[in-house]
Amino acid sequence: MRCFSDTKAIPSHIAMQVSMLSVPSIFYRPKGREEEADGVREKFQVPESDHLTYLNVYNQWKQNNYSSNWANEHFIHIKALRKVREVRQQLKDILVQQRLPVKSCGTNWDVVRKCICSAYFYQAARLKGIGEYVNLRTGMPCHLHPTSALYGLGTTPDYVVYHELVMTAKEYMQCATAVDGHWLAELGPMFFSVKETGRSGREKKRQAAEHLQEMEAQMQKAQKQMEEQKLQAAQREEAMMPKQEILTPGATPRRTPARIGL
C-alpha cells in the first residue's frame, strides 16, 4: 500500500486494516437479539468508512485490555479479534524485518483513507442516483449494504472504494470507504481524470503544449546523458587495453645500425 504521510512511513493502522479483512465478519447477531446487536454495532460506526469502523473496534478492544467479556458484551467474535491481533503482529514483524518505518498517524484518519484508496482505486464507484453507484471502470451498478456505516447518512459520498462485491438481491459493496475524486485521479491516472470547469480551451492547449515540450526536453537530456556515458565507457575500455607491436610474419626485426668508429 502506498503511504501519503509526510514522513513517508507506513501507518501502523494499515496493518490492522489488512488483518481485519483477513478474517470473517467480526460482528454477530444472535437470534432474538438482532435489534440490540445492530444498535451496539452502530455505536462503533465511523461515517466515512467501514474500514475505519473496524479500526475503531480494534482500538476500543485494545483500550479494554483485549478483554473477552468486552467483546461478548458488544456482540463481537473474540476468536476473530484474536486472529486479527495475531495477523497484525505478523505483518508488523515483516515490516520491521524489511526495515520499513512504521509510525502511527494518530487521529489523522484521512491518511488511512488515502492509503485504502491507493489499494482499491481499481474498485472505485461513483454515485449515480439515490443510493445507487456504478463502478468507474466497468459501469456495473452497485449499492451500499444496509449494514454499512455509509448507508442511510444525510449526505451520500460522491466516490467510494470497496473491498469486494456481494451478489444477493443486488450487487452490494462490502466494506466501503468514502474517498476524494482527486485521490483517484492521482493514484490511477491511467483510469481516471478530473474535469475542472472554468478553464478555456486555449489555456488547456497551451498547458498541453508546455507539457509536451517539457517531456521532449527531458527525453533529449536523458538521451544525451546516455550517449556521454557510452562514450566514457568506451574511452575507459580503450585506455585499459595493453598496446602491442604488430609484427609481419617473416620479417626480421630491425636492428640499430652500428655507428662508424664505435
Protein backbone atom coordinates (compact mmCIF):
# COMPACT_ATOMS: atom_id res chain seq x y z
CA MET A 1 0.00 0.00 0.00
CA ARG A 2 1.21 3.40 -0.84
CA CYS A 3 1.56 5.86 2.03
CA PHE A 4 0.73 9.57 1.92
CA SER A 5 2.15 10.67 5.27
CA ASP A 6 4.74 13.41 5.34
CA THR A 7 7.31 11.11 6.90
CA LYS A 8 6.96 8.53 4.12
CA ALA A 9 6.39 5.93 6.83
CA ILE A 10 3.77 3.22 6.77
CA PRO A 11 0.87 3.92 9.15
CA SER A 12 0.63 1.13 11.71
CA HIS A 13 -3.17 1.24 11.32
CA ILE A 14 -2.83 -0.20 7.80
CA ALA A 15 -1.54 -3.49 9.19
CA MET A 16 -4.64 -3.67 11.35
CA GLN A 17 -6.89 -2.98 8.34
CA VAL A 18 -5.30 -5.83 6.39
CA SER A 19 -5.68 -8.08 9.42
CA MET A 20 -9.39 -7.25 9.77
CA LEU A 21 -10.02 -8.11 6.12
CA SER A 22 -8.26 -11.46 6.51
CA VAL A 23 -10.94 -12.83 8.86
CA PRO A 24 -14.73 -13.30 8.51
CA SER A 25 -17.08 -10.66 9.87
CA ILE A 26 -16.25 -9.79 13.47
CA PHE A 27 -19.87 -8.89 14.32
CA TYR A 28 -22.62 -11.39 15.02
CA ARG A 29 -26.39 -11.13 15.55
CA PRO A 30 -27.74 -13.74 17.99
CA LYS A 31 -31.26 -14.94 17.37
CA GLY A 32 -33.82 -12.91 19.27
CA ARG A 33 -31.36 -10.06 19.93
CA GLU A 34 -30.85 -8.78 16.39
CA GLU A 35 -32.02 -5.22 17.14
CA GLU A 36 -29.86 -4.98 20.24
CA ALA A 37 -26.81 -6.21 18.29
CA ASP A 38 -27.48 -3.72 15.49
CA GLY A 39 -27.75 -0.88 17.99
CA VAL A 40 -24.42 -1.79 19.58
CA ARG A 41 -22.80 -2.05 16.15
CA GLU A 42 -23.96 1.43 15.19
CA LYS A 43 -22.03 2.89 18.11
CA PHE A 44 -18.77 1.76 16.51
CA GLN A 45 -19.55 3.11 13.06
CA VAL A 46 -17.39 5.86 11.56
CA PRO A 47 -19.47 7.71 8.92
CA GLU A 48 -16.64 8.00 6.38
CA SER A 49 -15.59 4.38 6.25
CA ASP A 50 -16.33 0.77 7.13
CA HIS A 51 -12.56 0.24 7.29
CA LEU A 52 -12.30 2.96 9.93
CA THR A 53 -15.17 1.31 11.77
CA TYR A 54 -13.06 -1.83 12.07
CA LEU A 55 -10.16 0.31 13.23
CA ASN A 56 -12.40 1.87 15.88
CA VAL A 57 -13.46 -1.57 17.12
CA TYR A 58 -9.87 -2.77 17.43
CA ASN A 59 -8.74 0.38 19.22
CA GLN A 60 -11.55 0.11 21.75
CA TRP A 61 -10.81 -3.58 22.30
CA LYS A 62 -7.16 -2.65 22.88
CA GLN A 63 -8.16 0.08 25.36
CA ASN A 64 -10.11 -2.57 27.28
CA ASN A 65 -7.00 -4.78 27.57
CA TYR A 66 -8.16 -7.18 24.87
CA SER A 67 -10.98 -8.36 27.13
CA SER A 68 -13.10 -11.34 26.12
CA ASN A 69 -16.02 -10.11 28.24
CA TRP A 70 -15.94 -6.74 26.48
CA ALA A 71 -16.13 -8.46 23.08
CA ASN A 72 -19.04 -10.69 24.13
CA GLU A 73 -20.95 -7.73 25.56
CA HIS A 74 -20.61 -5.90 22.23
CA PHE A 75 -21.59 -8.89 20.04
CA ILE A 76 -18.09 -9.30 18.59
CA HIS A 77 -16.42 -12.62 17.87
CA ILE A 78 -13.50 -12.85 20.29
CA LYS A 79 -11.78 -15.56 18.23
CA ALA A 80 -11.86 -13.32 15.17
CA LEU A 81 -10.33 -10.44 17.14
CA ARG A 82 -7.58 -12.67 18.46
CA LYS A 83 -6.81 -13.80 14.92
CA VAL A 84 -6.72 -10.15 13.83
CA ARG A 85 -4.22 -9.38 16.58
CA GLU A 86 -2.06 -12.32 15.55
CA VAL A 87 -2.04 -11.38 11.85
CA ARG A 88 -1.32 -7.75 12.71
CA GLN A 89 1.73 -8.76 14.73
CA GLN A 90 2.98 -10.93 11.88
CA LEU A 91 2.67 -8.04 9.43
CA LYS A 92 4.41 -5.70 11.84
CA ASP A 93 7.29 -8.17 12.23
CA ILE A 94 7.65 -8.32 8.45
CA LEU A 95 7.82 -4.53 8.21
CA VAL A 96 10.47 -4.39 10.93
CA GLN A 97 12.42 -7.17 9.21
CA GLN A 98 12.33 -5.25 5.92
CA ARG A 99 13.43 -2.10 7.78
CA LEU A 100 10.33 -0.20 6.74
CA PRO A 101 9.49 2.65 9.12
CA VAL A 102 6.20 2.17 10.95
CA LYS A 103 4.52 5.18 12.50
CA SER A 104 1.07 5.82 13.87
CA CYS A 105 -0.95 8.54 12.15
CA GLY A 106 -2.72 9.33 15.41
CA THR A 107 -6.15 10.78 14.86
CA ASN A 108 -5.45 11.85 11.27
CA TRP A 109 -7.53 9.09 9.74
CA ASP A 110 -7.52 10.76 6.32
CA VAL A 111 -4.06 9.24 5.92
CA VAL A 112 -5.61 5.80 6.35
CA ARG A 113 -8.39 6.58 3.88
CA LYS A 114 -5.84 7.70 1.28
CA CYS A 115 -3.86 4.51 1.77
CA ILE A 116 -7.05 2.47 1.35
CA CYS A 117 -7.81 4.43 -1.81
CA SER A 118 -4.32 3.62 -3.15
CA ALA A 119 -5.04 -0.09 -2.72
CA TYR A 120 -8.59 -0.13 -4.10
CA PHE A 121 -8.60 2.61 -6.76
CA TYR A 122 -9.47 -0.04 -9.38
CA GLN A 123 -12.60 -0.86 -7.34
CA ALA A 124 -13.97 2.67 -7.22
CA ALA A 125 -17.59 3.65 -7.70
CA ARG A 126 -19.35 6.94 -8.44
CA LEU A 127 -22.75 8.00 -7.15
CA LYS A 128 -25.29 7.78 -9.97
CA GLY A 129 -28.66 8.10 -8.29
CA ILE A 130 -30.30 7.87 -4.90
CA GLY A 131 -28.31 5.18 -3.11
CA GLU A 132 -27.00 3.71 -6.38
CA TYR A 133 -23.41 3.66 -7.52
CA VAL A 134 -21.67 2.49 -10.69
CA ASN A 135 -18.18 1.09 -10.97
CA LEU A 136 -16.00 3.70 -12.68
CA ARG A 137 -14.22 1.11 -14.82
CA THR A 138 -16.86 -1.48 -15.67
CA GLY A 139 -20.06 0.52 -15.25
CA MET A 140 -21.55 -2.25 -13.10
CA PRO A 141 -24.25 -0.96 -10.74
CA CYS A 142 -23.56 -1.44 -7.03
CA HIS A 143 -25.18 -0.39 -3.77
CA LEU A 144 -24.20 0.29 -0.20
CA HIS A 145 -25.10 -2.57 2.10
CA PRO A 146 -27.67 -1.68 4.80
CA THR A 147 -25.10 -2.59 7.48
CA SER A 148 -22.51 -0.21 6.03
CA ALA A 149 -21.50 2.85 8.04
CA LEU A 150 -22.13 4.95 4.90
CA TYR A 151 -25.71 3.69 4.49
CA GLY A 152 -28.56 6.00 5.42
CA LEU A 153 -26.43 9.08 6.07
CA GLY A 154 -27.75 12.57 5.46
CA THR A 155 -25.16 13.09 2.70
CA THR A 156 -24.02 10.27 0.44
CA PRO A 157 -20.38 10.48 -0.71
CA ASP A 158 -19.82 11.02 -4.42
CA TYR A 159 -16.99 8.49 -4.65
CA VAL A 160 -16.25 5.31 -2.72
CA VAL A 161 -13.88 2.37 -2.93
CA TYR A 162 -14.86 -1.08 -1.72
CA HIS A 163 -13.25 -4.37 -0.76
CA GLU A 164 -15.49 -6.66 -2.81
CA LEU A 165 -18.99 -7.06 -4.24
CA VAL A 166 -21.51 -9.43 -2.68
CA MET A 167 -24.13 -10.72 -5.11
CA THR A 168 -27.55 -11.22 -3.44
CA ALA A 169 -30.76 -9.50 -4.47
CA LYS A 170 -28.50 -6.61 -5.56
CA GLU A 171 -24.80 -6.04 -6.02
CA TYR A 172 -23.76 -4.82 -2.57
CA MET A 173 -20.38 -3.25 -1.82
CA GLN A 174 -18.78 -4.90 1.17
CA CYS A 175 -16.53 -2.76 3.36
CA ALA A 176 -16.68 0.64 1.60
CA THR A 177 -14.81 3.87 2.25
CA ALA A 178 -15.59 7.39 1.04
CA VAL A 179 -12.74 8.94 -0.98
CA ASP A 180 -11.96 12.15 -2.81
CA GLY A 181 -12.19 12.17 -6.59
CA HIS A 182 -8.79 13.89 -6.81
CA TRP A 183 -7.22 10.96 -4.96
CA LEU A 184 -8.46 8.61 -7.67
CA ALA A 185 -7.08 10.84 -10.43
CA GLU A 186 -3.73 10.98 -8.65
CA LEU A 187 -3.45 7.27 -7.90
CA GLY A 188 -4.95 5.88 -11.09
CA PRO A 189 -4.29 8.43 -13.86
CA MET A 190 -4.48 5.63 -16.43
CA PHE A 191 -8.15 5.13 -15.48
CA PHE A 192 -9.43 8.39 -14.00
CA SER A 193 -9.17 12.13 -14.56
CA VAL A 194 -10.75 15.19 -13.01
CA LYS A 195 -12.62 17.63 -15.23
CA GLU A 196 -12.17 21.17 -13.98
CA THR A 197 -14.63 23.85 -15.02
CA GLY A 198 -13.81 27.47 -15.73
CA ARG A 199 -10.79 26.76 -17.92
CA SER A 200 -10.77 27.89 -21.54
CA GLY A 201 -9.81 25.61 -24.40
CA ARG A 202 -6.92 27.90 -25.32
CA GLU A 203 -5.46 27.59 -21.83
CA LYS A 204 -5.74 23.81 -21.94
CA LYS A 205 -3.97 23.68 -25.30
CA ARG A 206 -1.21 25.97 -24.01
CA GLN A 207 -0.66 23.81 -20.94
CA ALA A 208 -0.65 20.65 -23.05
CA ALA A 209 1.95 22.17 -25.41
CA GLU A 210 4.13 23.21 -22.47
CA HIS A 211 3.87 19.74 -21.00
CA LEU A 212 4.84 18.18 -24.35
CA GLN A 213 7.85 20.49 -24.71
CA GLU A 214 8.96 19.66 -21.20
CA MET A 215 8.71 15.92 -21.90
CA GLU A 216 10.70 16.27 -25.15
CA ALA A 217 13.40 18.30 -23.37
CA GLN A 218 13.67 15.66 -20.67
CA MET A 219 13.93 12.88 -23.27
CA GLN A 220 16.68 14.75 -25.17
CA LYS A 221 18.56 15.35 -21.94
CA ALA A 222 18.30 11.69 -20.97
CA GLN A 223 19.46 10.57 -24.45
CA LYS A 224 22.44 12.93 -24.29
CA GLN A 225 23.42 11.58 -20.89
CA MET A 226 23.24 8.01 -22.19
CA GLU A 227 25.48 8.88 -25.16
CA GLU A 228 28.00 10.55 -22.87
CA GLN A 229 28.04 7.53 -20.59
CA LYS A 230 28.63 5.19 -23.55
CA LEU A 231 31.49 7.40 -24.81
CA GLN A 232 33.12 7.50 -21.38
CA ALA A 233 32.80 3.73 -21.03
CA ALA A 234 34.44 3.21 -24.45
CA GLN A 235 37.29 5.55 -23.56
CA ARG A 236 37.90 3.74 -20.26
CA GLU A 237 37.90 0.38 -22.04
CA GLU A 238 40.36 1.62 -24.67
CA ALA A 239 42.67 3.03 -22.01
CA MET A 240 42.76 -0.28 -20.16
CA MET A 241 43.75 -2.33 -23.25
CA PRO A 242 47.58 -3.02 -23.45
CA LYS A 243 49.36 -1.66 -26.54
CA GLN A 244 51.12 -4.39 -28.60
CA GLU A 245 53.53 -4.09 -31.55
CA ILE A 246 52.22 -5.70 -34.70
CA LEU A 247 54.86 -7.90 -36.43
CA THR A 248 54.63 -9.03 -40.03
CA PRO A 249 55.21 -12.80 -40.43
CA GLY A 250 58.71 -13.50 -41.82
CA ALA A 251 60.00 -10.01 -41.21
CA THR A 252 63.31 -9.54 -39.46
CA PRO A 253 63.25 -7.21 -36.52
CA ARG A 254 65.11 -4.01 -37.20
CA ARG A 255 68.47 -3.53 -35.59
CA THR A 256 70.09 -0.27 -34.74
CA PRO A 257 72.95 0.25 -37.20
CA ALA A 258 76.41 0.41 -35.63
CA ARG A 259 77.78 3.87 -35.55
CA ILE A 260 81.03 4.43 -37.52
CA GLY A 261 84.07 4.39 -35.36
CA LEU A 262 82.35 2.71 -32.36
